[in-house]
C-alpha atoms as a PDB file:
ATOM      1  CA  MET A   1     132.854  64.500  12.732  1.00  0.00           C
ATOM      2  CA  LYS A   2     132.677  62.709  15.665  1.00  0.00           C
ATOM      3  CA  THR A   3     130.754  62.942  18.436  1.00  0.00           C
ATOM      4  CA  ALA A   4     131.554  62.041  22.035  1.00  0.00           C
ATOM      5  CA  ARG A   5     129.827  58.432  22.150  1.00  0.00           C
ATOM      6  CA  ASN A   6     132.434  57.449  19.204  1.00  0.00           C
ATOM      7  CA  TYR A   7     134.847  58.730  21.787  1.00  0.00           C
ATOM      8  CA  ALA A   8     133.699  56.582  24.525  1.00  0.00           C
ATOM      9  CA  THR A   9     133.757  53.782  22.397  1.00  0.00           C
ATOM     10  CA  THR A  10     136.787  54.127  20.664  1.00  0.00           C
ATOM     11  CA  ASP A  11     138.185  54.516  23.807  1.00  0.00           C
ATOM     12  CA  LEU A  12     137.080  51.919  25.443  1.00  0.00           C
ATOM     13  CA  LEU A  13     137.982  49.476  22.129  1.00  0.00           C
ATOM     14  CA  LEU A  14     141.849  50.595  22.788  1.00  0.00           C
ATOM     15  CA  THR A  15     141.589  50.237  26.982  1.00  0.00           C
ATOM     16  CA  GLY A  16     140.620  46.897  26.238  1.00  0.00           C
ATOM     17  CA  GLY A  17     142.935  45.736  23.304  1.00  0.00           C
ATOM     18  CA  PHE A  18     145.687  47.240  26.061  1.00  0.00           C
ATOM     19  CA  LEU A  19     144.822  45.568  28.584  1.00  0.00           C
ATOM     20  CA  PHE A  20     144.319  42.446  27.247  1.00  0.00           C
ATOM     21  CA  PHE A  21     147.751  42.710  25.698  1.00  0.00           C
ATOM     22  CA  GLY A  22     149.678  43.715  29.418  1.00  0.00           C
ATOM     23  CA  VAL A  23     147.803  40.949  30.331  1.00  0.00           C
ATOM     24  CA  TYR A  24     149.271  38.335  27.798  1.00  0.00           C
ATOM     25  CA  LEU A  25     152.543  39.503  28.316  1.00  0.00           C
ATOM     26  CA  LEU A  26     152.668  38.943  32.008  1.00  0.00           C
ATOM     27  CA  VAL A  27     151.265  35.343  32.022  1.00  0.00           C
ATOM     28  CA  SER A  28     153.592  34.598  29.016  1.00  0.00           C
ATOM     29  CA  GLY A  29     156.272  36.071  31.124  1.00  0.00           C
ATOM     30  CA  LEU A  30     155.679  33.531  33.756  1.00  0.00           C
ATOM     31  CA  GLN A  31     156.405  30.826  31.792  1.00  0.00           C
ATOM     32  CA  LEU A  32     158.804  31.741  30.711  1.00  0.00           C
ATOM     33  CA  PRO A  33     161.644  30.075  32.774  1.00  0.00           C
ATOM     34  CA  GLU A  34     163.178  32.065  35.519  1.00  0.00           C
ATOM     35  CA  GLY A  35     165.269  34.826  34.923  1.00  0.00           C
ATOM     36  CA  ALA A  36     164.000  35.203  31.173  1.00  0.00           C
ATOM     37  CA  GLY A  37     160.194  35.716  31.799  1.00  0.00           C
ATOM     38  CA  PHE A  38     161.261  39.088  34.349  1.00  0.00           C
ATOM     39  CA  PHE A  39     161.175  41.824  31.285  1.00  0.00           C
ATOM     40  CA  PRO A  40     157.152  40.712  29.623  1.00  0.00           C
ATOM     41  CA  ALA A  41     156.611  39.843  33.059  1.00  0.00           C
ATOM     42  CA  THR A  42     157.110  43.588  34.070  1.00  0.00           C
ATOM     43  CA  LEU A  43     156.258  45.230  30.681  1.00  0.00           C
ATOM     44  CA  GLY A  44     152.420  43.753  30.514  1.00  0.00           C
ATOM     45  CA  VAL A  45     151.888  44.924  34.642  1.00  0.00           C
ATOM     46  CA  VAL A  46     153.163  48.487  33.656  1.00  0.00           C
ATOM     47  CA  THR A  47     150.746  48.300  30.903  1.00  0.00           C
ATOM     48  CA  ILE A  48     147.532  46.497  32.705  1.00  0.00           C
ATOM     49  CA  LEU A  49     148.513  49.975  35.048  1.00  0.00           C
ATOM     50  CA  LEU A  50     148.762  52.417  32.252  1.00  0.00           C
ATOM     51  CA  SER A  51     145.604  50.351  31.142  1.00  0.00           C
ATOM     52  CA  LEU A  52     143.533  50.954  34.286  1.00  0.00           C
ATOM     53  CA  GLY A  53     144.557  54.574  34.694  1.00  0.00           C
ATOM     54  CA  LEU A  54     143.110  55.135  31.011  1.00  0.00           C
ATOM     55  CA  LEU A  55     140.278  53.471  31.233  1.00  0.00           C
ATOM     56  CA  LEU A  56     139.199  55.294  34.638  1.00  0.00           C
ATOM     57  CA  GLN A  57     140.359  58.899  32.631  1.00  0.00           C
ATOM     58  CA  SER A  58     137.996  57.276  30.300  1.00  0.00           C
ATOM     59  CA  LEU A  59     134.750  56.523  32.304  1.00  0.00           C
ATOM     60  CA  ARG A  60     134.851  59.798  34.415  1.00  0.00           C
ATOM     61  CA  LYS A  61     135.298  61.935  31.384  1.00  0.00           C
ATOM     62  CA  PRO A  62     133.929  60.112  28.307  1.00  0.00           C
ATOM     63  CA  GLY A  63     133.952  61.616  25.134  1.00  0.00           C
ATOM     64  CA  GLU A  64     136.394  63.512  25.580  1.00  0.00           C
ATOM     65  CA  GLY A  65     138.999  61.964  23.242  1.00  0.00           C
ATOM     66  CA  VAL A  66     141.301  60.701  25.079  1.00  0.00           C
ATOM     67  CA  PHE A  67     142.507  58.816  21.495  1.00  0.00           C
ATOM     68  CA  ALA A  68     142.582  60.822  17.972  1.00  0.00           C
ATOM     69  CA  VAL A  69     143.747  59.800  15.204  1.00  0.00           C
ATOM     70  CA  ARG A  70     145.245  62.863  13.742  1.00  0.00           C
ATOM     71  CA  ASN A  71     146.025  61.214  10.166  1.00  0.00           C
ATOM     72  CA  VAL A  72     144.919  57.694   9.414  1.00  0.00           C
ATOM     73  CA  GLY A  73     147.486  57.551   7.208  1.00  0.00           C
ATOM     74  CA  VAL A  74     150.254  58.487   8.689  1.00  0.00           C
ATOM     75  CA  LEU A  75     149.674  55.997  11.382  1.00  0.00           C
ATOM     76  CA  LEU A  76     148.444  52.986   8.384  1.00  0.00           C
ATOM     77  CA  ALA A  77     151.658  53.226   6.962  1.00  0.00           C
ATOM     78  CA  ILE A  78     153.680  53.483  10.423  1.00  0.00           C
ATOM     79  CA  VAL A  79     152.077  50.064  10.698  1.00  0.00           C
ATOM     80  CA  ALA A  80     153.256  48.880   7.733  1.00  0.00           C
ATOM     81  CA  LEU A  81     156.951  50.165   8.447  1.00  0.00           C
ATOM     82  CA  ILE A  82     156.565  48.784  11.980  1.00  0.00           C
ATOM     83  CA  GLY A  83     155.119  45.472   9.963  1.00  0.00           C
ATOM     84  CA  ALA A  84     158.075  45.292   7.051  1.00  0.00           C
ATOM     85  CA  TYR A  85     160.223  45.377  10.073  1.00  0.00           C
ATOM     86  CA  LEU A  86     158.814  42.184  12.001  1.00  0.00           C
ATOM     87  CA  ALA A  87     158.822  40.900   8.787  1.00  0.00           C
ATOM     88  CA  THR A  88     162.576  41.383   7.808  1.00  0.00           C
ATOM     89  CA  TRP A  89     163.831  40.475  12.005  1.00  0.00           C
ATOM     90  CA  GLY A  90     166.602  38.229  11.608  1.00  0.00           C
ATOM     91  CA  PHE A  91     168.213  39.630   8.419  1.00  0.00           C
ATOM     92  CA  GLY A  92     171.359  41.323   7.921  1.00  0.00           C
ATOM     93  CA  TRP A  93     172.321  43.765  11.080  1.00  0.00           C
ATOM     94  CA  PHE A  94     170.054  44.427  13.569  1.00  0.00           C
ATOM     95  CA  GLY A  95     171.306  48.587  13.865  1.00  0.00           C
ATOM     96  CA  LEU A  96     170.821  49.684  10.888  1.00  0.00           C
ATOM     97  CA  ARG A  97     167.457  48.026  10.120  1.00  0.00           C
ATOM     98  CA  THR A  98     166.225  49.680  13.955  1.00  0.00           C
ATOM     99  CA  PHE A  99     168.301  52.366  12.653  1.00  0.00           C
ATOM    100  CA  LEU A 100     165.996  53.083   9.340  1.00  0.00           C
ATOM    101  CA  LEU A 101     163.223  52.561  10.896  1.00  0.00           C
ATOM    102  CA  LEU A 102     163.623  54.989  13.600  1.00  0.00           C
ATOM    103  CA  MET A 103     164.913  57.233  10.758  1.00  0.00           C
ATOM    104  CA  ILE A 104     161.658  56.911   8.151  1.00  0.00           C
ATOM    105  CA  MET A 105     158.850  56.650  11.851  1.00  0.00           C
ATOM    106  CA  LEU A 106     160.662  59.684  13.054  1.00  0.00           C
ATOM    107  CA  ARG A 107     160.570  62.177   9.349  1.00  0.00           C
ATOM    108  CA  MET A 108     156.631  60.806   8.884  1.00  0.00           C
ATOM    109  CA  LEU A 109     156.061  62.830  12.247  1.00  0.00           C
ATOM    110  CA  GLY A 110     157.175  65.622  11.379  1.00  0.00           C
ATOM    111  CA  GLU A 111     160.687  65.438  12.513  1.00  0.00           C
ATOM    112  CA  SER A 112     163.425  67.183  10.496  1.00  0.00           C
ATOM    113  CA  TRP A 113     165.840  64.726   8.362  1.00  0.00           C
ATOM    114  CA  ARG A 114     168.349  66.070  10.472  1.00  0.00           C
ATOM    115  CA  ALA A 115     166.734  65.567  14.177  1.00  0.00           C
ATOM    116  CA  GLY A 116     165.420  62.152  12.770  1.00  0.00           C
ATOM    117  CA  ILE A 117     169.278  60.952  12.182  1.00  0.00           C
ATOM    118  CA  MET A 118     170.562  62.341  15.175  1.00  0.00           C
ATOM    119  CA  VAL A 119     168.018  60.925  16.967  1.00  0.00           C
ATOM    120  CA  SER A 120     167.768  57.467  15.437  1.00  0.00           C
ATOM    121  CA  GLY A 121     171.476  56.823  16.161  1.00  0.00           C
ATOM    122  CA  VAL A 122     171.588  57.690  19.476  1.00  0.00           C
ATOM    123  CA  LEU A 123     168.527  55.685  20.251  1.00  0.00           C
ATOM    124  CA  THR A 124     169.878  53.251  17.138  1.00  0.00           C
ATOM    125  CA  ILE A 125     173.999  52.863  19.832  1.00  0.00           C
ATOM    126  CA  GLY A 126     171.356  53.074  23.295  1.00  0.00           C
ATOM    127  CA  VAL A 127     169.740  49.951  22.231  1.00  0.00           C
ATOM    128  CA  THR A 128     172.087  48.161  20.768  1.00  0.00           C
ATOM    129  CA  ALA A 129     174.807  48.581  23.310  1.00  0.00           C
ATOM    130  CA  ALA A 130     172.969  47.735  26.840  1.00  0.00           C
ATOM    131  CA  PHE A 131     171.172  45.100  24.753  1.00  0.00           C
ATOM    132  CA  GLU A 132     174.888  44.089  22.756  1.00  0.00           C
ATOM    133  CA  TYR A 133     177.359  44.736  26.551  1.00  0.00           C
ATOM    134  CA  GLY A 134     175.101  45.904  29.846  1.00  0.00           C
ATOM    135  CA  LEU A 135     172.794  42.005  28.951  1.00  0.00           C
ATOM    136  CA  HIS A 136     174.932  40.365  26.983  1.00  0.00           C
ATOM    137  CA  VAL A 137     172.412  39.658  24.047  1.00  0.00           C
ATOM    138  CA  SER A 138     173.199  39.275  20.812  1.00  0.00           C
ATOM    139  CA  LEU A 139     170.748  40.683  18.786  1.00  0.00           C
ATOM    140  CA  ASN A 140     171.945  39.614  15.269  1.00  0.00           C
END
């Protein structure tokens, strides 16, 4: 069983990781040409703000365990699934890969097949439509 000190350490390490990632996104976004870096820079700022909020929460109530992993096996399987998704980037159709990723991930997290298929379909269609037709950015 984890002690309060273990939870506090985990919270601070994860917060530091998210803060580092936010700064990386912000700096990378600012180095891109005008317009192209807006989205990564904005995500960086949001990630930094959320990380600082999490840091304050962790410092105010140390040991309460903001993060709690109930099933490490599922977490590792999802990380592997996302790794496989990223490794196949550029191969095949974006919509199919994304739909399968979301469907399998939702099923691993306990959703029914029916709900997983419906949510995955709506999200995939929404993202594809937003990028292809709204932003005129090809995802394939």
